[in-house]
Amino acid sequence: MVFKTLTFNGFEVAGVAENGEMAVSMFKEFSNKPKVILMDNRMPIKTGIEASKEILQIDKNVKIIFTSADITIKEEAISIGAFSFWDKPFMIDVLIDDIKKAFKCYDSCLSN
């Protein structure tokens, strides 16, 4: 559902990872790195926290938005550099607004 909603709202979805290890691998392989990543924490092989740490080591400017039912990791996600954290379930329009903010923030970080 989120994939269709994102594309309907004009966002290009570069890929969908089935687990944290795949998320890191996909990010490394992209020649044109995504500016914004939606991340869950509860994934096989590597958690979202672990994957996010590795991705942020590759590109500290990427904006990671956590969308997770695992509220216990909210503080840790923000402390490692996540742009924001949305508890599931969330309103999709709020997420869309946050993605737009993340893109603006990414662009302003690069221009400074």
C-alpha atoms as a PDB file:
ATOM      1  CA  MET A   1       0.000   0.000   0.000  1.00  0.00           C
ATOM      2  CA  VAL A   2       2.752   2.480   0.900  1.00  0.00           C
ATOM      3  CA  PHE A   3       4.574   1.767  -2.394  1.00  0.00           C
ATOM      4  CA  LYS A   4       1.502   2.675  -4.461  1.00  0.00           C
ATOM      5  CA  THR A   5       0.771   5.709  -2.307  1.00  0.00           C
ATOM      6  CA  LEU A   6       4.322   6.996  -2.716  1.00  0.00           C
ATOM      7  CA  THR A   7       4.312   6.618  -6.483  1.00  0.00           C
ATOM      8  CA  PHE A   8       0.826   8.150  -6.678  1.00  0.00           C
ATOM      9  CA  ASN A   9       2.207  11.183  -4.814  1.00  0.00           C
ATOM     10  CA  GLY A  10       5.038  11.613  -7.299  1.00  0.00           C
ATOM     11  CA  PHE A  11       7.866   9.864  -5.463  1.00  0.00           C
ATOM     12  CA  GLU A  12      10.152   7.444  -7.262  1.00  0.00           C
ATOM     13  CA  VAL A  13      10.623   4.240  -5.279  1.00  0.00           C
ATOM     14  CA  ALA A  14      14.135   2.952  -5.932  1.00  0.00           C
ATOM     15  CA  GLY A  15      13.539  -0.428  -4.333  1.00  0.00           C
ATOM     16  CA  VAL A  16      12.039  -2.444  -1.522  1.00  0.00           C
ATOM     17  CA  ALA A  17      14.264  -4.566   0.700  1.00  0.00           C
ATOM     18  CA  GLU A  18      13.035  -7.744   2.374  1.00  0.00           C
ATOM     19  CA  ASN A  19      15.562  -7.480   5.208  1.00  0.00           C
ATOM     20  CA  GLY A  20      18.155  -5.144   6.690  1.00  0.00           C
ATOM     21  CA  GLU A  21      21.087  -6.793   4.966  1.00  0.00           C
ATOM     22  CA  MET A  22      19.384  -6.382   1.604  1.00  0.00           C
ATOM     23  CA  ALA A  23      18.675  -2.714   2.396  1.00  0.00           C
ATOM     24  CA  VAL A  24      22.378  -2.033   2.961  1.00  0.00           C
ATOM     25  CA  SER A  25      23.397  -4.045  -0.100  1.00  0.00           C
ATOM     26  CA  MET A  26      20.881  -2.246  -2.321  1.00  0.00           C
ATOM     27  CA  PHE A  27      22.041   1.139  -1.040  1.00  0.00           C
ATOM     28  CA  LYS A  28      25.661   0.295  -1.803  1.00  0.00           C
ATOM     29  CA  GLU A  29      24.753  -0.816  -5.331  1.00  0.00           C
ATOM     30  CA  PHE A  30      22.728   2.254  -6.291  1.00  0.00           C
ATOM     31  CA  SER A  31      24.803   4.516  -8.514  1.00  0.00           C
ATOM     32  CA  ASN A  32      22.265   7.254  -7.818  1.00  0.00           C
ATOM     33  CA  LYS A  33      21.752   6.974  -4.041  1.00  0.00           C
ATOM     34  CA  PRO A  34      18.265   7.635  -2.640  1.00  0.00           C
ATOM     35  CA  LYS A  35      17.943  10.855  -0.668  1.00  0.00           C
ATOM     36  CA  VAL A  36      15.234   9.478   1.628  1.00  0.00           C
ATOM     37  CA  ILE A  37      14.765   5.957   2.988  1.00  0.00           C
ATOM     38  CA  LEU A  38      11.743   4.559   4.807  1.00  0.00           C
ATOM     39  CA  MET A  39      12.966   2.026   7.365  1.00  0.00           C
ATOM     40  CA  ASP A  40      11.292  -0.450   9.682  1.00  0.00           C
ATOM     41  CA  ASN A  41      13.193  -2.006  12.560  1.00  0.00           C
ATOM     42  CA  ARG A  42      11.795  -5.518  12.723  1.00  0.00           C
ATOM     43  CA  MET A  43      13.425  -7.222   9.769  1.00  0.00           C
ATOM     44  CA  PRO A  44      15.227 -10.525   9.352  1.00  0.00           C
ATOM     45  CA  ILE A  45      19.026 -10.825   9.262  1.00  0.00           C
ATOM     46  CA  LYS A  46      19.697  -7.164  10.235  1.00  0.00           C
ATOM     47  CA  THR A  47      17.434  -4.795  12.138  1.00  0.00           C
ATOM     48  CA  GLY A  48      16.545  -1.365  10.839  1.00  0.00           C
ATOM     49  CA  ILE A  49      18.843   0.171  13.457  1.00  0.00           C
ATOM     50  CA  GLU A  50      21.788  -1.939  12.270  1.00  0.00           C
ATOM     51  CA  ALA A  51      21.038  -1.249   8.601  1.00  0.00           C
ATOM     52  CA  SER A  52      20.620   2.487   9.231  1.00  0.00           C
ATOM     53  CA  LYS A  53      23.967   2.725  11.012  1.00  0.00           C
ATOM     54  CA  GLU A  54      25.705   1.127   8.019  1.00  0.00           C
ATOM     55  CA  ILE A  55      23.853   3.264   5.476  1.00  0.00           C
ATOM     56  CA  LEU A  56      24.640   6.461   7.385  1.00  0.00           C
ATOM     57  CA  GLN A  57      28.331   5.487   7.430  1.00  0.00           C
ATOM     58  CA  ILE A  58      28.186   5.361   3.632  1.00  0.00           C
ATOM     59  CA  ASP A  59      26.237   8.621   3.260  1.00  0.00           C
ATOM     60  CA  LYS A  60      25.683  10.810   6.301  1.00  0.00           C
ATOM     61  CA  ASN A  61      23.313  13.077   4.347  1.00  0.00           C
ATOM     62  CA  VAL A  62      20.676  10.449   3.520  1.00  0.00           C
ATOM     63  CA  LYS A  63      17.445  11.013   5.452  1.00  0.00           C
ATOM     64  CA  ILE A  64      16.091   7.885   7.119  1.00  0.00           C
ATOM     65  CA  ILE A  65      12.479   7.936   8.236  1.00  0.00           C
ATOM     66  CA  PHE A  66      11.596   5.105  10.599  1.00  0.00           C
ATOM     67  CA  THR A  67       8.060   3.744  10.313  1.00  0.00           C
ATOM     68  CA  SER A  68       7.809   1.093  12.987  1.00  0.00           C
ATOM     69  CA  ALA A  69       5.478  -0.452  15.536  1.00  0.00           C
ATOM     70  CA  ASP A  70       8.562  -0.992  17.720  1.00  0.00           C
ATOM     71  CA  ILE A  71       8.332   2.187  19.809  1.00  0.00           C
ATOM     72  CA  THR A  72      11.102   0.925  22.121  1.00  0.00           C
ATOM     73  CA  ILE A  73      13.740   1.865  19.533  1.00  0.00           C
ATOM     74  CA  LYS A  74      12.478   5.386  18.800  1.00  0.00           C
ATOM     75  CA  GLU A  75      15.097   7.154  20.936  1.00  0.00           C
ATOM     76  CA  GLU A  76      17.914   5.000  19.547  1.00  0.00           C
ATOM     77  CA  ALA A  77      16.773   5.571  15.953  1.00  0.00           C
ATOM     78  CA  ILE A  78      16.832   9.342  16.435  1.00  0.00           C
ATOM     79  CA  SER A  79      20.166   9.220  18.290  1.00  0.00           C
ATOM     80  CA  ILE A  80      21.918   7.354  15.438  1.00  0.00           C
ATOM     81  CA  GLY A  81      20.780   9.969  12.940  1.00  0.00           C
ATOM     82  CA  ALA A  82      17.283   9.067  11.752  1.00  0.00           C
ATOM     83  CA  PHE A  83      15.446  12.069  10.346  1.00  0.00           C
ATOM     84  CA  SER A  84      12.173  11.123  12.061  1.00  0.00           C
ATOM     85  CA  PHE A  85      10.223   8.263  13.585  1.00  0.00           C
ATOM     86  CA  TRP A  86       6.561   7.422  12.968  1.00  0.00           C
ATOM     87  CA  ASP A  87       4.724   4.905  15.124  1.00  0.00           C
ATOM     88  CA  LYS A  88       2.593   2.420  13.207  1.00  0.00           C
ATOM     89  CA  PRO A  89      -0.171   2.874  12.414  1.00  0.00           C
ATOM     90  CA  PHE A  90       0.289   6.411  11.088  1.00  0.00           C
ATOM     91  CA  MET A  91      -1.654   8.719   8.803  1.00  0.00           C
ATOM     92  CA  ILE A  92      -0.248   8.464   5.272  1.00  0.00           C
ATOM     93  CA  ASP A  93      -0.650  12.192   4.612  1.00  0.00           C
ATOM     94  CA  VAL A  94       1.534  12.943   7.641  1.00  0.00           C
ATOM     95  CA  LEU A  95       4.186  10.587   6.277  1.00  0.00           C
ATOM     96  CA  ILE A  96       4.017  12.219   2.828  1.00  0.00           C
ATOM     97  CA  ASP A  97       4.537  15.654   4.429  1.00  0.00           C
ATOM     98  CA  ASP A  98       7.515  14.324   6.386  1.00  0.00           C
ATOM     99  CA  ILE A  99       9.069  12.823   3.250  1.00  0.00           C
ATOM    100  CA  LYS A 100       8.775  16.220   1.542  1.00  0.00           C
ATOM    101  CA  LYS A 101      10.489  17.850   4.549  1.00  0.00           C
ATOM    102  CA  ALA A 102      13.254  15.250   4.396  1.00  0.00           C
ATOM    103  CA  PHE A 103      13.890  16.032   0.722  1.00  0.00           C
ATOM    104  CA  LYS A 104      14.071  19.770   1.491  1.00  0.00           C
ATOM    105  CA  CYS A 105      16.436  19.114   4.381  1.00  0.00           C
ATOM    106  CA  TYR A 106      18.643  16.872   2.227  1.00  0.00           C
ATOM    107  CA  ASP A 107      18.898  19.536  -0.464  1.00  0.00           C
ATOM    108  CA  SER A 108      19.681  22.287   2.057  1.00  0.00           C
ATOM    109  CA  CYS A 109      22.379  20.128   3.702  1.00  0.00           C
ATOM    110  CA  LEU A 110      24.157  19.748   0.365  1.00  0.00           C
ATOM    111  CA  SER A 111      23.991  23.442  -0.443  1.00  0.00           C
ATOM    112  CA  ASN A 112      25.681  24.438   2.839  1.00  0.00           C
END
